[in-house]
Amino acid sequence: MLILTLLVRDEADIIAANLDYHFSAGVDFAIVTDHRSVDDTPTILERYRRGGRIQVIHEEAETYDQTSWVTKMARMAYELGASWVINSDADEFWWTAHGNLHLALSTVPDVYDILTVRRHDFPPVEDESGRFSNRMIYREMSSHNLLGDALPPKVCHRAHADITVAQGNHYVIAERLGETLDDGRIEILHFPMRTYEQFERKIVNGGSAYEAPGSPSGVGRTWRHAYGLWRAGRLRALYDERVLDRVRVANRLSRGEIVKDTRLKTALERLSPLPRVPRAAGGEKPARDVAST
C-alpha cells in the first residue's frame, strides 16, 4: 500500500487537484493534517473523508510543529499497512515516468529504504485567472528558494514504526533504516506561487506560526525571511520579480532557464472530478513541450 501524507492550511485552490492526481497516480490512501484552515479546505477534505479515501487530523495550535505532525502521520501510515510513504505539501505533485508511483516504488531494490526526489518550480504567471495548472506551464531548469539557495530535494521512505520525518520532509530518521537511492525515478512538480493572494496568505500563516511562542526554534529560515519582507511591505516586489509575462517567457526560454511542461495540465484534464457529497447538518467542519513524457 502506498500512503500519502499532507500537512495543509488554506489550500482550497489546489487540495482537490492534489488528491485527485495522486490517487490516479497510484496512491491508495491519504492522511491529511489540516492546520487551522479558514477557507473551504475543511469542506473539501470532508468530501474525500466520507468517500473513504482519506483520514483527517485537525491541529488548532497557533504554533507550527511540522516535524511532530508529519512524523505522527508517517507512523500512522505504517500502522495502516503502508509499504511506502510519501510526505508531501499541497503544492507538490509527485511524478514518475513509470506512470504509476506505486509501481515505481515497488521496483526499488530492497537495500534502499529512502528515495531522494528532486523538486522543480513552476513560476507564477501574469494572468492569475483560471486553474493554476492551465496557466503555469513553464518549469524552471534550476530552482531556488526565496533566499536564493538551490531548492533542496524531498524524500519518500519505506514505512517504519519508529520513523521521524525532519522539518520540511527533506530527510527521515529511524533505526535500521536502509540506504538512500537517488536515481531520478520520481520528481516533484512544485507550484508554490499560484496567485499573489494565495502566496501572501501562505507566508503570513506560516510566518506568524513560526514566530508564535512555543514553535520549534532554528527552523523555517526561508519562511521567516519572507514573513519579514511582508512586514516590511516588500513581499509583493519579491513575487513580481518571479512573475512570467510574455517578454520574460520569451527571454527565459531563449536562455534555457525555463522549459514548457504541460504534464500536470494534461494529467488533470484527463481526470473526472470527485462527485460532491452533501455536508451533513451538525457534522465536522469539514519551447520544448514535455507533455508526453
Protein backbone atom coordinates (compact mmCIF):
# COMPACT_ATOMS: atom_id res chain seq x y z
CA MET A 1 0.00 0.00 0.00
CA LEU A 2 1.22 3.50 -0.88
CA ILE A 3 0.07 6.21 1.54
CA LEU A 4 0.36 9.96 1.04
CA THR A 5 0.57 12.37 3.99
CA LEU A 6 -0.29 16.05 3.62
CA LEU A 7 0.01 18.97 6.02
CA VAL A 8 -2.26 21.75 4.76
CA ARG A 9 -3.58 25.18 5.66
CA ASP A 10 -5.94 27.23 3.47
CA GLU A 11 -5.25 25.22 0.30
CA ALA A 12 -8.76 25.26 -1.22
CA ASP A 13 -7.44 26.26 -4.65
CA ILE A 14 -5.23 23.18 -5.01
CA ILE A 15 -6.04 20.43 -2.48
CA ALA A 16 -8.65 18.62 -4.62
CA ALA A 17 -6.30 18.62 -7.63
CA ASN A 18 -3.52 17.25 -5.42
CA LEU A 19 -5.61 14.39 -4.05
CA ASP A 20 -7.26 13.54 -7.39
CA TYR A 21 -3.91 13.48 -9.16
CA HIS A 22 -2.13 11.32 -6.58
CA PHE A 23 -4.98 8.81 -6.35
CA SER A 24 -4.87 8.50 -10.14
CA ALA A 25 -1.08 8.06 -9.98
CA GLY A 26 -1.11 5.05 -7.65
CA VAL A 27 -1.61 6.41 -4.13
CA ASP A 28 -4.00 4.13 -2.22
CA PHE A 29 -4.87 6.32 0.77
CA ALA A 30 -4.02 9.71 2.26
CA ILE A 31 -3.67 11.03 5.79
CA VAL A 32 -4.19 14.80 5.93
CA THR A 33 -3.46 17.15 8.81
CA ASP A 34 -5.41 20.40 8.49
CA HIS A 35 -3.77 23.20 10.47
CA ARG A 36 -6.34 25.89 11.24
CA SER A 37 -7.78 26.33 7.73
CA VAL A 38 -10.45 29.04 7.46
CA ASP A 39 -11.19 28.74 3.74
CA ASP A 40 -13.04 25.84 2.04
CA THR A 41 -10.25 23.33 2.71
CA PRO A 42 -12.10 21.52 5.56
CA THR A 43 -15.24 21.15 3.42
CA ILE A 44 -13.25 19.72 0.52
CA LEU A 45 -11.41 17.30 2.80
CA GLU A 46 -14.70 16.14 4.29
CA ARG A 47 -15.88 15.01 0.85
CA TYR A 48 -12.85 12.77 0.47
CA ARG A 49 -13.10 11.51 4.05
CA ARG A 50 -16.71 10.50 3.53
CA GLY A 51 -15.65 8.79 0.32
CA GLY A 52 -13.23 6.63 2.32
CA ARG A 53 -10.10 7.94 0.60
CA ILE A 54 -8.52 9.95 3.41
CA GLN A 55 -8.22 10.31 7.16
CA VAL A 56 -8.23 13.87 8.53
CA ILE A 57 -6.48 15.19 11.63
CA HIS A 58 -7.20 18.71 12.86
CA GLU A 59 -4.45 20.75 14.55
CA GLU A 60 -5.52 24.04 16.12
CA ALA A 61 -2.25 25.13 17.74
CA GLU A 62 -1.01 28.63 16.95
CA THR A 63 2.49 27.18 16.55
CA TYR A 64 3.84 25.26 13.55
CA ASP A 65 5.38 21.91 14.53
CA GLN A 66 5.74 20.26 11.15
CA THR A 67 8.17 17.58 12.30
CA SER A 68 5.85 16.33 15.04
CA TRP A 69 2.72 16.40 12.90
CA VAL A 70 4.21 14.76 9.82
CA THR A 71 6.01 12.15 11.91
CA LYS A 72 2.69 11.29 13.53
CA MET A 73 1.09 10.78 10.10
CA ALA A 74 4.02 8.74 8.79
CA ARG A 75 3.82 6.38 11.78
CA MET A 76 0.06 6.10 11.31
CA ALA A 77 0.74 5.09 7.71
CA TYR A 78 2.91 2.22 8.97
CA GLU A 79 0.11 1.09 11.31
CA LEU A 80 -2.34 1.14 8.37
CA GLY A 81 -0.10 -1.24 6.43
CA ALA A 82 1.78 1.08 4.11
CA SER A 83 4.78 -0.26 2.25
CA TRP A 84 5.96 3.22 1.16
CA VAL A 85 5.05 6.68 2.47
CA ILE A 86 5.13 9.96 0.57
CA ASN A 87 5.17 13.02 2.85
CA SER A 88 4.10 15.97 0.74
CA ASP A 89 2.78 19.52 0.65
CA ALA A 90 -0.40 20.51 -1.17
CA ASP A 91 1.57 22.35 -3.88
CA GLU A 92 3.76 19.32 -4.70
CA PHE A 93 2.81 16.78 -7.37
CA TRP A 94 4.95 13.63 -7.37
CA TRP A 95 5.55 12.50 -10.93
CA THR A 96 7.13 9.38 -12.40
CA ALA A 97 7.85 8.39 -15.98
CA HIS A 98 6.68 4.91 -14.95
CA GLY A 99 3.15 6.36 -14.98
CA ASN A 100 2.36 4.95 -11.55
CA LEU A 101 4.05 5.91 -8.28
CA HIS A 102 3.22 2.59 -6.62
CA LEU A 103 4.87 0.71 -9.47
CA ALA A 104 7.91 2.99 -9.46
CA LEU A 105 8.44 2.41 -5.73
CA SER A 106 7.72 -1.33 -5.84
CA THR A 107 10.77 -1.83 -8.06
CA VAL A 108 13.20 -0.07 -5.72
CA PRO A 109 15.82 -2.67 -4.66
CA ASP A 110 15.37 -3.95 -1.09
CA VAL A 111 18.65 -2.44 0.10
CA TYR A 112 17.16 1.06 -0.27
CA ASP A 113 14.62 2.42 2.22
CA ILE A 114 14.78 6.10 1.20
CA LEU A 115 14.28 7.69 -2.20
CA THR A 116 15.59 11.20 -2.90
CA VAL A 117 13.19 13.24 -5.05
CA ARG A 118 14.18 16.47 -6.80
CA ARG A 119 11.80 19.43 -6.98
CA HIS A 120 11.17 21.73 -9.94
CA ASP A 121 9.38 25.05 -9.52
CA PHE A 122 6.74 26.37 -11.92
CA PRO A 123 6.88 30.21 -11.65
CA PRO A 124 3.75 32.36 -11.33
CA VAL A 125 2.33 33.95 -14.46
CA GLU A 126 0.91 37.38 -15.18
CA ASP A 127 -2.64 36.14 -15.78
CA GLU A 128 -3.86 34.72 -12.46
CA SER A 129 -7.30 33.69 -13.74
CA GLY A 130 -8.39 30.09 -14.16
CA ARG A 131 -6.97 26.83 -12.86
CA PHE A 132 -3.31 27.04 -11.84
CA SER A 133 -2.30 24.00 -13.92
CA ASN A 134 -3.74 25.51 -17.11
CA ARG A 135 -1.64 28.67 -16.90
CA MET A 136 1.51 27.65 -15.00
CA ILE A 137 3.08 25.59 -17.78
CA TYR A 138 6.74 26.69 -17.61
CA ARG A 139 9.18 24.78 -15.41
CA GLU A 140 12.46 26.18 -14.16
CA MET A 141 15.52 24.22 -15.19
CA SER A 142 17.24 25.17 -11.94
CA SER A 143 15.00 26.09 -9.00
CA HIS A 144 15.95 28.17 -5.96
CA ASN A 145 14.20 29.08 -2.73
CA LEU A 146 13.37 32.61 -1.62
CA LEU A 147 16.86 33.00 -0.13
CA GLY A 148 18.49 32.19 -3.46
CA ASP A 149 19.71 28.75 -2.39
CA ALA A 150 19.25 25.69 -4.60
CA LEU A 151 15.85 24.14 -3.89
CA PRO A 152 16.51 21.14 -1.62
CA PRO A 153 15.03 17.76 -2.57
CA LYS A 154 12.43 15.85 -0.58
CA VAL A 155 12.42 12.14 0.30
CA CYS A 156 9.90 9.34 0.48
CA HIS A 157 10.54 6.20 2.51
CA ARG A 158 9.55 2.67 3.27
CA ALA A 159 7.13 2.60 6.18
CA HIS A 160 8.77 2.20 9.61
CA ALA A 161 7.20 2.11 13.06
CA ASP A 162 9.79 4.48 14.54
CA ILE A 163 10.27 6.85 11.60
CA THR A 164 10.93 10.53 12.29
CA VAL A 165 10.36 12.99 9.45
CA ALA A 166 12.59 16.06 9.62
CA GLN A 167 11.30 19.61 9.19
CA GLY A 168 10.40 20.21 5.56
CA ASN A 169 10.28 16.48 4.71
CA HIS A 170 13.88 16.68 3.50
CA TYR A 171 15.15 13.60 5.33
CA VAL A 172 13.99 10.86 7.70
CA ILE A 173 15.50 9.03 10.66
CA ALA A 174 14.81 5.55 12.04
CA GLU A 175 16.72 2.63 13.49
CA ARG A 176 17.87 0.04 10.94
CA LEU A 177 16.92 2.30 8.05
CA GLY A 178 18.38 1.16 4.73
CA GLU A 179 20.35 3.12 2.17
CA THR A 180 19.24 6.13 0.12
CA LEU A 181 18.63 5.92 -3.62
CA ASP A 182 18.85 8.96 -5.90
CA ASP A 183 18.12 7.73 -9.43
CA GLY A 184 15.53 10.26 -10.64
CA ARG A 185 12.70 7.75 -10.98
CA ILE A 186 10.36 10.24 -9.26
CA GLU A 187 10.38 14.05 -9.40
CA ILE A 188 8.20 16.74 -7.84
CA LEU A 189 6.37 19.36 -9.88
CA HIS A 190 6.11 22.31 -7.48
CA PHE A 191 3.58 25.18 -7.66
CA PRO A 192 4.28 27.38 -4.60
CA MET A 193 3.17 30.76 -6.04
CA ARG A 194 -0.18 30.40 -7.79
CA THR A 195 -1.53 33.91 -7.17
CA TYR A 196 -0.22 36.75 -5.07
CA GLU A 197 -3.21 36.48 -2.72
CA GLN A 198 -2.52 32.79 -2.12
CA PHE A 199 1.23 33.37 -1.69
CA GLU A 200 0.75 36.23 0.76
CA ARG A 201 -1.72 34.19 2.83
CA LYS A 202 0.73 31.27 2.92
CA ILE A 203 3.61 33.44 4.11
CA VAL A 204 1.52 35.24 6.75
CA ASN A 205 0.04 31.97 8.05
CA GLY A 206 3.37 30.20 8.20
CA GLY A 207 5.48 33.13 9.33
CA SER A 208 3.21 34.07 12.22
CA ALA A 209 3.02 30.41 13.30
CA TYR A 210 6.82 30.07 13.29
CA GLU A 211 7.10 33.19 15.46
CA ALA A 212 4.41 32.11 17.93
CA PRO A 213 5.68 31.21 21.42
CA GLY A 214 6.42 27.51 21.62
CA SER A 215 7.23 26.97 17.94
CA PRO A 216 10.40 24.97 17.22
CA SER A 217 13.44 27.24 17.02
CA GLY A 218 16.11 27.12 14.35
CA VAL A 219 13.77 26.01 11.55
CA GLY A 220 11.71 27.78 8.90
CA ARG A 221 14.50 30.12 7.84
CA THR A 222 13.07 30.76 4.37
CA TRP A 223 9.53 31.29 5.68
CA ARG A 224 10.75 33.65 8.41
CA HIS A 225 12.67 35.65 5.81
CA ALA A 226 9.59 36.01 3.60
CA TYR A 227 7.46 36.98 6.60
CA GLY A 228 9.96 39.72 7.39
CA LEU A 229 9.62 41.01 3.83
CA TRP A 230 5.83 41.03 4.21
CA ARG A 231 6.03 43.07 7.40
CA ALA A 232 8.36 45.49 5.64
CA GLY A 233 5.91 45.82 2.72
CA ARG A 234 8.30 44.14 0.24
CA LEU A 235 6.68 40.75 -0.33
CA ARG A 236 4.76 41.91 -3.41
CA ALA A 237 8.01 43.06 -5.03
CA LEU A 238 9.57 39.64 -4.42
CA TYR A 239 6.56 37.97 -6.04
CA ASP A 240 6.53 40.34 -9.02
CA GLU A 241 10.20 39.58 -9.73
CA ARG A 242 9.21 35.96 -10.40
CA VAL A 243 6.06 36.54 -12.45
CA LEU A 244 6.30 35.43 -16.08
CA ASP A 245 4.85 37.78 -18.69
CA ARG A 246 5.23 37.30 -22.44
CA VAL A 247 8.57 39.09 -22.58
CA ARG A 248 10.03 37.14 -19.67
CA VAL A 249 8.79 33.85 -21.09
CA ALA A 250 10.49 34.55 -24.43
CA ASN A 251 13.72 35.73 -22.80
CA ARG A 252 13.96 32.88 -20.31
CA LEU A 253 13.13 30.26 -22.96
CA SER A 254 15.87 31.64 -25.21
CA ARG A 255 18.38 31.46 -22.34
CA GLY A 256 17.36 27.90 -21.46
CA GLU A 257 16.21 28.90 -17.96
CA ILE A 258 12.68 27.52 -18.35
CA VAL A 259 11.01 24.87 -20.46
CA LYS A 260 7.38 24.39 -21.42
CA ASP A 261 5.98 21.50 -19.37
CA THR A 262 2.29 20.59 -19.66
CA ARG A 263 2.43 17.19 -17.98
CA LEU A 264 0.33 18.12 -14.97
CA LYS A 265 -2.10 20.16 -17.07
CA THR A 266 -2.69 17.13 -19.29
CA ALA A 267 -2.96 14.72 -16.36
CA LEU A 268 -5.57 16.81 -14.55
CA GLU A 269 -7.60 17.35 -17.72
CA ARG A 270 -7.94 13.57 -18.03
CA LEU A 271 -9.37 13.16 -14.54
CA SER A 272 -13.06 13.20 -13.68
CA PRO A 273 -13.89 15.34 -10.64
CA LEU A 274 -14.87 13.57 -7.43
CA PRO A 275 -18.69 13.72 -7.01
CA ARG A 276 -19.73 16.19 -4.35
CA VAL A 277 -21.03 14.71 -1.10
CA PRO A 278 -23.54 16.95 0.74
CA ARG A 279 -22.26 18.09 4.11
CA ALA A 280 -24.26 16.57 6.96
CA ALA A 281 -26.04 19.00 9.25
CA GLY A 282 -24.14 19.36 12.51
CA GLY A 283 -21.22 17.30 11.17
CA GLU A 284 -17.49 18.08 11.23
CA LYS A 285 -16.35 21.26 9.52
CA PRO A 286 -15.45 19.78 7.26
CA ALA A 287 9.52 25.91 -26.17
CA ARG A 288 10.22 22.07 -25.65
CA ASP A 289 6.93 20.59 -24.71
CA VAL A 290 7.29 17.56 -22.43
CA ALA A 291 3.58 16.84 -22.09
CA SER A 292 4.05 13.30 -23.29
CA THR A 293 6.99 12.35 -21.08
